[in-house]
Amino acid sequence: MTTKRAEPSADPQPAPVPNETEPSEPSDTLSQGPLGDLGAQLAEVEQKRDEYLADLQRLAAEFENYRKRAARDQERLIAHAHERLVRELLPVLDNLERALEAAERHEEAMLVEGVKLVERSLRTTLTKEGLLEIETDGPFDPHVHEALLTQPNELFEPGSVVEVVQRGYRLGDRVVRPARVIVAE
């Protein structure tokens, strides 16, 4: 048995190509058949896009509100800290006024006692705020000491602090002011 092959027609006609300049026929192809599924998918994707955009806008507004609220809270906290420190320093100011009044009356013993009272009061207040004096006993430490000069000294080992010119302080773990010292050669 032999099978015949279908011979191509002598004059094959190509399928018509739509002309881009010709207007396409209006049709409801988006709602029919496989293209209808694409239209539904497109509508669904557009709806999700709109939902995501709304969510993003809402999130941006919430973040902006949070940022403003955090800034207000920080300002309020700083103002409260300043108020508390000022309230703590008012007794020191009162003691200083008393010492000045005593100086006007030429009561030198009262003046000295008044100034000592002010110094103790101020030191106590600053200590409560976390201010600590930097230790100056022992070797020179460039992280907390500032060497003003070196001098030969037989009583101290070389590199030791001989004399404190100005006390240094730290607030927590930060150096507020290094101790200014004279170091033994």
N, C-alpha and C. Protein backbone atom coordinates (compact mmCIF):
# COMPACT_ATOMS: atom_id res chain seq x y z
N MET A 1 0.81 -1.14 0.00
CA MET A 1 0.00 0.00 0.00
C MET A 1 0.87 1.23 0.00
N THR A 2 0.56 2.01 -0.91
CA THR A 2 1.32 3.24 -1.01
C THR A 2 0.43 4.39 -0.60
N THR A 3 1.03 5.22 0.06
CA THR A 3 0.27 6.39 0.49
C THR A 3 0.65 7.55 -0.39
N LYS A 4 -0.33 8.27 -0.69
CA LYS A 4 -0.09 9.45 -1.51
C LYS A 4 0.12 10.63 -0.61
N ARG A 5 1.06 11.32 -1.06
CA ARG A 5 1.34 12.53 -0.33
C ARG A 5 0.50 13.65 -0.94
N ALA A 6 0.01 14.46 -0.08
CA ALA A 6 -0.77 15.57 -0.61
C ALA A 6 0.18 16.58 -1.19
N GLU A 7 -0.08 16.90 -2.38
CA GLU A 7 0.80 17.84 -3.03
C GLU A 7 0.31 19.24 -2.75
N PRO A 8 1.26 20.10 -2.55
CA PRO A 8 0.87 21.48 -2.30
C PRO A 8 0.24 22.05 -3.55
N SER A 9 -0.68 22.92 -3.28
CA SER A 9 -1.34 23.55 -4.42
C SER A 9 -0.34 24.42 -5.14
N ALA A 10 -0.57 24.58 -6.34
CA ALA A 10 0.37 25.31 -7.17
C ALA A 10 0.42 26.79 -6.80
N ASP A 11 -0.67 27.31 -6.34
CA ASP A 11 -0.70 28.75 -6.04
C ASP A 11 -1.09 28.96 -4.59
N PRO A 12 -0.12 28.77 -3.68
CA PRO A 12 -0.50 28.98 -2.28
C PRO A 12 -0.70 30.47 -2.01
N GLN A 13 -1.76 30.77 -1.29
CA GLN A 13 -2.02 32.16 -0.94
C GLN A 13 -1.69 32.38 0.52
N PRO A 14 -0.90 33.41 0.71
CA PRO A 14 -0.55 33.68 2.10
C PRO A 14 -1.75 34.23 2.86
N ALA A 15 -1.69 34.01 4.19
CA ALA A 15 -2.77 34.51 5.04
C ALA A 15 -2.73 36.03 5.04
N PRO A 16 -3.87 36.67 5.06
CA PRO A 16 -3.87 38.13 5.03
C PRO A 16 -3.25 38.70 6.30
N VAL A 17 -2.39 39.69 6.14
CA VAL A 17 -1.73 40.37 7.25
C VAL A 17 -2.52 41.64 7.54
N PRO A 18 -2.89 41.84 8.79
CA PRO A 18 -3.67 43.05 9.07
C PRO A 18 -2.80 44.29 8.85
N ASN A 19 -3.37 45.27 8.28
CA ASN A 19 -2.69 46.53 8.00
C ASN A 19 -2.75 47.38 9.26
N GLU A 20 -1.58 47.88 9.68
CA GLU A 20 -1.54 48.64 10.92
C GLU A 20 -2.22 49.98 10.77
N THR A 21 -2.34 50.47 9.59
CA THR A 21 -2.97 51.77 9.41
C THR A 21 -4.48 51.66 9.37
N GLU A 22 -4.97 50.45 9.09
CA GLU A 22 -6.41 50.27 9.07
C GLU A 22 -6.93 50.14 10.49
N PRO A 23 -8.04 50.76 10.78
CA PRO A 23 -8.58 50.60 12.13
C PRO A 23 -9.06 49.18 12.32
N SER A 24 -8.79 48.64 13.49
CA SER A 24 -9.21 47.27 13.77
C SER A 24 -10.69 47.29 14.08
N GLU A 25 -11.25 46.18 13.88
CA GLU A 25 -12.69 46.08 14.11
C GLU A 25 -12.96 46.10 15.60
N PRO A 26 -13.91 46.92 16.01
CA PRO A 26 -14.27 46.87 17.41
C PRO A 26 -14.91 45.54 17.71
N SER A 27 -14.43 44.93 18.76
CA SER A 27 -15.01 43.63 19.11
C SER A 27 -14.96 43.44 20.61
N ASP A 28 -15.66 42.52 21.03
CA ASP A 28 -15.67 42.18 22.45
C ASP A 28 -14.76 40.99 22.70
N THR A 29 -13.59 41.01 22.09
CA THR A 29 -12.69 39.88 22.24
C THR A 29 -12.11 39.79 23.63
N LEU A 30 -12.08 40.93 24.39
CA LEU A 30 -11.55 40.86 25.73
C LEU A 30 -12.46 40.08 26.66
N SER A 31 -13.73 40.08 26.31
CA SER A 31 -14.65 39.36 27.20
C SER A 31 -14.98 37.98 26.68
N GLN A 32 -14.39 37.62 25.53
CA GLN A 32 -14.69 36.32 24.96
C GLN A 32 -13.41 35.51 24.85
N GLY A 33 -13.51 34.28 25.02
CA GLY A 33 -12.43 33.35 24.76
C GLY A 33 -11.20 33.58 25.62
N PRO A 34 -10.02 33.18 25.10
CA PRO A 34 -8.78 33.29 25.87
C PRO A 34 -8.42 34.74 26.17
N LEU A 35 -8.77 35.68 25.31
CA LEU A 35 -8.48 37.07 25.58
C LEU A 35 -9.35 37.60 26.71
N GLY A 36 -10.50 37.05 26.87
CA GLY A 36 -11.38 37.44 27.98
C GLY A 36 -10.72 37.13 29.30
N ASP A 37 -10.00 36.03 29.38
CA ASP A 37 -9.27 35.68 30.60
C ASP A 37 -8.18 36.71 30.88
N LEU A 38 -7.52 37.19 29.82
CA LEU A 38 -6.49 38.21 29.99
C LEU A 38 -7.08 39.51 30.51
N GLY A 39 -8.23 39.87 30.03
CA GLY A 39 -8.89 41.09 30.50
C GLY A 39 -9.25 40.98 31.97
N ALA A 40 -9.73 39.83 32.38
CA ALA A 40 -10.07 39.61 33.79
C ALA A 40 -8.80 39.63 34.64
N GLN A 41 -7.75 39.02 34.12
CA GLN A 41 -6.49 39.03 34.85
C GLN A 41 -5.93 40.45 34.97
N LEU A 42 -6.05 41.22 33.90
CA LEU A 42 -5.59 42.60 33.92
C LEU A 42 -6.37 43.41 34.95
N ALA A 43 -7.65 43.25 34.99
CA ALA A 43 -8.48 43.97 35.96
C ALA A 43 -8.10 43.57 37.38
N GLU A 44 -7.84 42.29 37.58
CA GLU A 44 -7.45 41.81 38.91
C GLU A 44 -6.09 42.38 39.32
N VAL A 45 -5.14 42.41 38.40
CA VAL A 45 -3.82 42.95 38.68
C VAL A 45 -3.91 44.45 38.98
N GLU A 46 -4.74 45.17 38.23
CA GLU A 46 -4.91 46.61 38.47
C GLU A 46 -5.52 46.84 39.85
N GLN A 47 -6.45 45.99 40.25
CA GLN A 47 -7.07 46.12 41.58
C GLN A 47 -6.03 45.88 42.67
N LYS A 48 -5.19 44.86 42.51
CA LYS A 48 -4.14 44.59 43.49
C LYS A 48 -3.14 45.75 43.54
N ARG A 49 -2.80 46.29 42.36
CA ARG A 49 -1.89 47.44 42.30
C ARG A 49 -2.45 48.61 43.10
N ASP A 50 -3.74 48.89 42.91
CA ASP A 50 -4.37 49.99 43.63
C ASP A 50 -4.38 49.73 45.14
N GLU A 51 -4.60 48.48 45.54
CA GLU A 51 -4.58 48.13 46.97
C GLU A 51 -3.17 48.31 47.55
N TYR A 52 -2.16 47.85 46.79
CA TYR A 52 -0.78 48.01 47.26
C TYR A 52 -0.39 49.48 47.37
N LEU A 53 -0.82 50.28 46.41
CA LEU A 53 -0.53 51.71 46.44
C LEU A 53 -1.19 52.36 47.65
N ALA A 54 -2.43 52.00 47.92
CA ALA A 54 -3.13 52.55 49.08
C ALA A 54 -2.43 52.12 50.37
N ASP A 55 -2.01 50.85 50.44
CA ASP A 55 -1.28 50.38 51.63
C ASP A 55 0.03 51.13 51.81
N LEU A 56 0.74 51.36 50.72
CA LEU A 56 2.01 52.07 50.79
C LEU A 56 1.80 53.52 51.23
N GLN A 57 0.78 54.17 50.71
CA GLN A 57 0.48 55.54 51.12
C GLN A 57 0.10 55.61 52.59
N ARG A 58 -0.68 54.65 53.04
CA ARG A 58 -1.07 54.59 54.46
C ARG A 58 0.16 54.37 55.34
N LEU A 59 1.03 53.47 54.90
CA LEU A 59 2.26 53.20 55.66
C LEU A 59 3.17 54.43 55.72
N ALA A 60 3.27 55.14 54.61
CA ALA A 60 4.08 56.36 54.59
C ALA A 60 3.50 57.40 55.55
N ALA A 61 2.19 57.55 55.58
CA ALA A 61 1.56 58.51 56.50
C ALA A 61 1.78 58.09 57.95
N GLU A 62 1.66 56.79 58.24
CA GLU A 62 1.88 56.31 59.61
C GLU A 62 3.33 56.56 60.03
N PHE A 63 4.28 56.33 59.12
CA PHE A 63 5.69 56.56 59.46
C PHE A 63 5.95 58.04 59.72
N GLU A 64 5.36 58.91 58.92
CA GLU A 64 5.54 60.35 59.12
C GLU A 64 4.97 60.77 60.47
N ASN A 65 3.81 60.22 60.84
CA ASN A 65 3.23 60.51 62.16
C ASN A 65 4.13 60.00 63.27
N TYR A 66 4.69 58.81 63.10
CA TYR A 66 5.60 58.24 64.10
C TYR A 66 6.83 59.12 64.27
N ARG A 67 7.39 59.57 63.13
CA ARG A 67 8.59 60.42 63.18
C ARG A 67 8.30 61.72 63.93
N LYS A 68 7.17 62.34 63.65
CA LYS A 68 6.81 63.58 64.34
C LYS A 68 6.58 63.33 65.83
N ARG A 69 5.91 62.24 66.17
CA ARG A 69 5.64 61.91 67.57
C ARG A 69 6.94 61.63 68.31
N ALA A 70 7.88 60.92 67.68
CA ALA A 70 9.17 60.63 68.32
C ALA A 70 9.96 61.92 68.55
N ALA A 71 9.91 62.85 67.60
CA ALA A 71 10.61 64.13 67.76
C ALA A 71 10.00 64.92 68.92
N ARG A 72 8.67 64.93 69.02
CA ARG A 72 8.00 65.64 70.12
C ARG A 72 8.36 65.00 71.46
N ASP A 73 8.37 63.67 71.51
CA ASP A 73 8.71 62.97 72.76
C ASP A 73 10.14 63.27 73.17
N GLN A 74 11.05 63.31 72.20
CA GLN A 74 12.45 63.60 72.52
C GLN A 74 12.58 65.04 73.03
N GLU A 75 11.91 65.98 72.42
CA GLU A 75 11.96 67.37 72.90
C GLU A 75 11.40 67.47 74.31
N ARG A 76 10.31 66.76 74.57
CA ARG A 76 9.70 66.78 75.90
C ARG A 76 10.65 66.17 76.93
N LEU A 77 11.33 65.09 76.57
CA LEU A 77 12.28 64.44 77.47
C LEU A 77 13.46 65.36 77.78
N ILE A 78 13.97 66.04 76.77
CA ILE A 78 15.09 66.97 76.98
C ILE A 78 14.66 68.11 77.88
N ALA A 79 13.47 68.65 77.63
CA ALA A 79 12.98 69.75 78.46
C ALA A 79 12.82 69.29 79.91
N HIS A 80 12.33 68.07 80.11
CA HIS A 80 12.17 67.54 81.46
C HIS A 80 13.52 67.38 82.15
N ALA A 81 14.52 66.90 81.41
CA ALA A 81 15.86 66.72 81.98
C ALA A 81 16.45 68.08 82.37
N HIS A 82 16.28 69.07 81.52
CA HIS A 82 16.79 70.41 81.85
C HIS A 82 16.09 70.96 83.09
N GLU A 83 14.79 70.77 83.16
CA GLU A 83 14.03 71.27 84.31
C GLU A 83 14.51 70.60 85.59
N ARG A 84 14.72 69.29 85.53
CA ARG A 84 15.17 68.56 86.71
C ARG A 84 16.54 69.04 87.16
N LEU A 85 17.46 69.25 86.21
CA LEU A 85 18.80 69.72 86.56
C LEU A 85 18.74 71.12 87.18
N VAL A 86 17.94 71.99 86.58
CA VAL A 86 17.82 73.35 87.12
C VAL A 86 17.24 73.30 88.53
N ARG A 87 16.24 72.45 88.74
CA ARG A 87 15.64 72.32 90.08
C ARG A 87 16.68 71.84 91.09
N GLU A 88 17.57 70.94 90.65
CA GLU A 88 18.63 70.44 91.53
C GLU A 88 19.67 71.52 91.84
N LEU A 89 19.89 72.44 90.90
CA LEU A 89 20.91 73.47 91.09
C LEU A 89 20.40 74.70 91.84
N LEU A 90 19.10 74.85 91.98
CA LEU A 90 18.57 76.02 92.69
C LEU A 90 19.06 76.13 94.14
N PRO A 91 19.13 75.04 94.91
CA PRO A 91 19.69 75.17 96.26
C PRO A 91 21.15 75.64 96.26
N VAL A 92 21.91 75.26 95.25
CA VAL A 92 23.29 75.72 95.13
C VAL A 92 23.29 77.23 94.94
N LEU A 93 22.41 77.72 94.09
CA LEU A 93 22.30 79.16 93.87
C LEU A 93 21.90 79.88 95.16
N ASP A 94 20.97 79.29 95.91
CA ASP A 94 20.56 79.89 97.20
C ASP A 94 21.75 79.97 98.15
N ASN A 95 22.53 78.91 98.24
CA ASN A 95 23.70 78.91 99.14
C ASN A 95 24.74 79.93 98.69
N LEU A 96 24.91 80.10 97.40
CA LEU A 96 25.84 81.09 96.89
C LEU A 96 25.37 82.50 97.25
N GLU A 97 24.08 82.76 97.17
CA GLU A 97 23.54 84.07 97.58
C GLU A 97 23.79 84.32 99.06
N ARG A 98 23.60 83.30 99.88
CA ARG A 98 23.87 83.44 101.32
C ARG A 98 25.34 83.76 101.58
N ALA A 99 26.23 83.10 100.83
CA ALA A 99 27.67 83.36 101.00
C ALA A 99 28.01 84.79 100.61
N LEU A 100 27.39 85.29 99.54
CA LEU A 100 27.64 86.68 99.13
C LEU A 100 27.09 87.67 100.15
N GLU A 101 25.95 87.35 100.74
CA GLU A 101 25.40 88.22 101.79
C GLU A 101 26.35 88.27 102.99
N ALA A 102 26.91 87.13 103.33
CA ALA A 102 27.86 87.09 104.45
C ALA A 102 29.11 87.89 104.11
N ALA A 103 29.54 87.87 102.86
CA ALA A 103 30.73 88.63 102.46
C ALA A 103 30.46 90.12 102.58
N GLU A 104 29.24 90.55 102.29
CA GLU A 104 28.90 91.97 102.41
C GLU A 104 28.94 92.42 103.87
N ARG A 105 28.66 91.52 104.79
CA ARG A 105 28.68 91.85 106.22
C ARG A 105 30.07 91.64 106.81
N HIS A 106 31.03 91.25 105.97
CA HIS A 106 32.42 91.04 106.38
C HIS A 106 32.56 89.96 107.44
N GLU A 107 31.75 89.00 107.35
CA GLU A 107 31.88 87.87 108.26
C GLU A 107 32.68 86.82 107.51
N GLU A 108 34.00 86.91 107.59
CA GLU A 108 34.87 86.06 106.81
C GLU A 108 34.71 84.58 107.13
N ALA A 109 34.51 84.26 108.37
CA ALA A 109 34.31 82.86 108.73
C ALA A 109 33.03 82.34 108.08
N MET A 110 32.00 83.15 108.05
CA MET A 110 30.73 82.76 107.43
C MET A 110 30.92 82.65 105.91
N LEU A 111 31.75 83.55 105.35
CA LEU A 111 31.99 83.52 103.91
C LEU A 111 32.67 82.21 103.52
N VAL A 112 33.70 81.84 104.23
CA VAL A 112 34.41 80.59 103.93
C VAL A 112 33.47 79.40 104.09
N GLU A 113 32.71 79.39 105.16
CA GLU A 113 31.77 78.29 105.39
C GLU A 113 30.69 78.26 104.29
N GLY A 114 30.23 79.44 103.88
CA GLY A 114 29.22 79.51 102.81
C GLY A 114 29.74 79.00 101.49
N VAL A 115 30.95 79.36 101.15
CA VAL A 115 31.54 78.88 99.90
C VAL A 115 31.76 77.37 99.96
N LYS A 116 32.21 76.86 101.09
CA LYS A 116 32.37 75.41 101.24
C LYS A 116 31.03 74.70 101.09
N LEU A 117 29.98 75.29 101.65
CA LEU A 117 28.64 74.72 101.54
C LEU A 117 28.18 74.68 100.09
N VAL A 118 28.44 75.76 99.36
CA VAL A 118 28.07 75.81 97.93
C VAL A 118 28.84 74.74 97.15
N GLU A 119 30.15 74.63 97.41
CA GLU A 119 30.96 73.65 96.70
C GLU A 119 30.48 72.23 96.97
N ARG A 120 30.19 71.91 98.24
CA ARG A 120 29.69 70.57 98.58
C ARG A 120 28.34 70.31 97.93
N SER A 121 27.48 71.30 97.96
CA SER A 121 26.15 71.15 97.39
C SER A 121 26.21 70.93 95.88
N LEU A 122 27.04 71.71 95.21
CA LEU A 122 27.19 71.56 93.77
C LEU A 122 27.81 70.22 93.42
N ARG A 123 28.83 69.82 94.13
CA ARG A 123 29.48 68.54 93.88
C ARG A 123 28.49 67.37 94.08
N THR A 124 27.67 67.44 95.14
CA THR A 124 26.67 66.40 95.40
C THR A 124 25.65 66.34 94.27
N THR A 125 25.19 67.50 93.82
CA THR A 125 24.20 67.54 92.74
C THR A 125 24.77 66.96 91.46
N LEU A 126 25.98 67.33 91.11
CA LEU A 126 26.59 66.83 89.88
C LEU A 126 26.90 65.33 89.98
N THR A 127 27.25 64.86 91.17
CA THR A 127 27.49 63.43 91.35
C THR A 127 26.20 62.64 91.16
N LYS A 128 25.08 63.19 91.65
CA LYS A 128 23.79 62.53 91.44
C LYS A 128 23.44 62.47 89.96
N GLU A 129 23.93 63.42 89.18
CA GLU A 129 23.68 63.44 87.73
C GLU A 129 24.63 62.51 86.98
N GLY A 130 25.57 61.89 87.69
CA GLY A 130 26.46 60.93 87.05
C GLY A 130 27.86 61.45 86.77
N LEU A 131 28.20 62.62 87.26
CA LEU A 131 29.52 63.19 87.03
C LEU A 131 30.51 62.58 88.02
N LEU A 132 31.61 62.06 87.50
CA LEU A 132 32.63 61.45 88.34
C LEU A 132 33.98 62.12 88.08
N GLU A 133 34.76 62.28 89.13
CA GLU A 133 36.08 62.86 88.98
C GLU A 133 37.03 61.79 88.44
N ILE A 134 37.90 62.19 87.53
CA ILE A 134 38.87 61.26 86.94
C ILE A 134 40.00 61.05 87.94
N GLU A 135 40.34 59.78 88.14
CA GLU A 135 41.43 59.44 89.06
C GLU A 135 42.75 59.95 88.51
N THR A 136 43.54 60.53 89.39
CA THR A 136 44.85 61.04 88.97
C THR A 136 45.99 60.37 89.71
N ASP A 137 45.67 59.40 90.56
CA ASP A 137 46.72 58.64 91.24
C ASP A 137 47.20 57.56 90.28
N GLY A 138 48.49 57.44 90.14
CA GLY A 138 49.02 56.39 89.30
C GLY A 138 49.61 56.91 88.00
N PRO A 139 49.71 56.04 87.00
CA PRO A 139 50.38 56.42 85.76
C PRO A 139 49.53 57.35 84.89
N PHE A 140 50.20 58.08 84.03
CA PHE A 140 49.56 58.98 83.08
C PHE A 140 48.79 58.17 82.05
N ASP A 141 47.54 58.54 81.80
CA ASP A 141 46.71 57.88 80.80
C ASP A 141 46.25 58.94 79.79
N PRO A 142 46.72 58.89 78.55
CA PRO A 142 46.39 59.94 77.58
C PRO A 142 44.90 59.99 77.24
N HIS A 143 44.14 58.96 77.57
CA HIS A 143 42.70 58.95 77.28
C HIS A 143 41.92 59.82 78.26
N VAL A 144 42.46 60.01 79.46
CA VAL A 144 41.73 60.79 80.47
C VAL A 144 42.57 61.92 81.06
N HIS A 145 43.85 61.96 80.74
CA HIS A 145 44.73 63.02 81.26
C HIS A 145 45.27 63.86 80.12
N GLU A 146 45.55 65.11 80.43
CA GLU A 146 46.22 65.99 79.48
C GLU A 146 47.49 66.48 80.16
N ALA A 147 48.64 66.12 79.60
CA ALA A 147 49.92 66.49 80.20
C ALA A 147 50.25 67.93 79.82
N LEU A 148 50.37 68.78 80.82
CA LEU A 148 50.74 70.17 80.56
C LEU A 148 52.25 70.30 80.45
N LEU A 149 52.97 69.57 81.29
CA LEU A 149 54.43 69.55 81.21
C LEU A 149 54.96 68.36 81.97
N THR A 150 56.22 68.09 81.75
CA THR A 150 56.88 67.02 82.49
C THR A 150 57.98 67.67 83.32
N GLN A 151 58.27 67.06 84.44
CA GLN A 151 59.35 67.59 85.29
C GLN A 151 60.05 66.42 85.96
N PRO A 152 61.33 66.58 86.19
CA PRO A 152 62.06 65.52 86.88
C PRO A 152 61.59 65.44 88.34
N ASN A 153 61.36 64.23 88.79
CA ASN A 153 60.92 64.04 90.16
C ASN A 153 61.43 62.70 90.63
N GLU A 154 62.11 62.68 91.76
CA GLU A 154 62.69 61.45 92.27
C GLU A 154 61.72 60.66 93.14
N LEU A 155 60.64 61.30 93.57
CA LEU A 155 59.67 60.61 94.42
C LEU A 155 58.70 59.75 93.63
N PHE A 156 58.53 60.05 92.34
CA PHE A 156 57.56 59.33 91.51
C PHE A 156 58.27 58.59 90.39
N GLU A 157 57.66 57.51 89.94
CA GLU A 157 58.19 56.77 88.80
C GLU A 157 57.98 57.60 87.54
N PRO A 158 58.84 57.44 86.55
CA PRO A 158 58.64 58.16 85.29
C PRO A 158 57.28 57.77 84.68
N GLY A 159 56.55 58.77 84.20
CA GLY A 159 55.23 58.52 83.60
C GLY A 159 54.09 58.61 84.60
N SER A 160 54.42 58.88 85.87
CA SER A 160 53.37 59.01 86.89
C SER A 160 52.91 60.45 86.98
N VAL A 161 51.68 60.63 87.42
CA VAL A 161 51.13 61.96 87.62
C VAL A 161 51.72 62.52 88.91
N VAL A 162 52.36 63.68 88.80
CA VAL A 162 53.00 64.33 89.95
C VAL A 162 52.03 65.30 90.61
N GLU A 163 51.37 66.10 89.77
CA GLU A 163 50.50 67.15 90.31
C GLU A 163 49.31 67.34 89.38
N VAL A 164 48.15 67.65 89.99
CA VAL A 164 46.94 67.94 89.21
C VAL A 164 46.78 69.45 89.15
N VAL A 165 46.79 69.99 87.95
CA VAL A 165 46.62 71.43 87.75
C VAL A 165 45.12 71.76 87.69
N GLN A 166 44.36 70.91 86.99
CA GLN A 166 42.91 71.09 86.91
C GLN A 166 42.26 69.71 86.90
N ARG A 167 41.25 69.53 87.75
CA ARG A 167 40.59 68.23 87.84
C ARG A 167 39.84 67.92 86.54
N GLY A 168 39.78 66.64 86.24
CA GLY A 168 39.04 66.18 85.07
C GLY A 168 37.81 65.41 85.50
N TYR A 169 36.82 65.36 84.62
CA TYR A 169 35.56 64.71 84.95
C TYR A 169 35.06 63.88 83.78
N ARG A 170 34.31 62.87 84.13
CA ARG A 170 33.63 62.06 83.12
C ARG A 170 32.17 61.93 83.50
N LEU A 171 31.35 61.85 82.49
CA LEU A 171 29.91 61.67 82.67
C LEU A 171 29.59 60.31 82.08
N GLY A 172 29.34 59.34 82.94
CA GLY A 172 29.18 57.97 82.46
C GLY A 172 30.53 57.47 81.97
N ASP A 173 30.59 57.05 80.72
CA ASP A 173 31.88 56.57 80.18
C ASP A 173 32.54 57.60 79.27
N ARG A 174 31.95 58.79 79.15
CA ARG A 174 32.52 59.84 78.30
C ARG A 174 33.31 60.84 79.13
N VAL A 175 34.47 61.23 78.62
CA VAL A 175 35.29 62.23 79.29
C VAL A 175 34.71 63.60 78.95
N VAL A 176 34.26 64.32 80.00
CA VAL A 176 33.73 65.67 79.80
C VAL A 176 34.88 66.65 79.68
N ARG A 177 35.85 66.48 80.56
CA ARG A 177 37.05 67.31 80.55
C ARG A 177 38.20 66.47 81.08
N PRO A 178 39.29 66.36 80.33
CA PRO A 178 40.42 65.58 80.83
C PRO A 178 41.11 66.30 81.99
N ALA A 179 41.71 65.53 82.86
CA ALA A 179 42.46 66.12 83.97
C ALA A 179 43.77 66.67 83.42
N ARG A 180 44.06 67.91 83.77
CA ARG A 180 45.32 68.55 83.33
C ARG A 180 46.34 68.30 84.44
N VAL A 181 47.44 67.64 84.03
CA VAL A 181 48.38 67.16 85.04
C VAL A 181 49.82 67.47 84.63
N ILE A 182 50.69 67.36 85.63
CA ILE A 182 52.13 67.42 85.42
C ILE A 182 52.64 66.00 85.61
N VAL A 183 53.47 65.55 84.68
CA VAL A 183 53.91 64.15 84.66
C VAL A 183 55.40 64.09 85.02
N ALA A 184 55.79 63.05 85.76
CA ALA A 184 57.19 62.84 86.15
C ALA A 184 57.97 62.31 84.94
N GLU A 185 59.21 62.84 84.78
CA GLU A 185 60.08 62.36 83.70
C GLU A 185 60.76 61.08 84.12
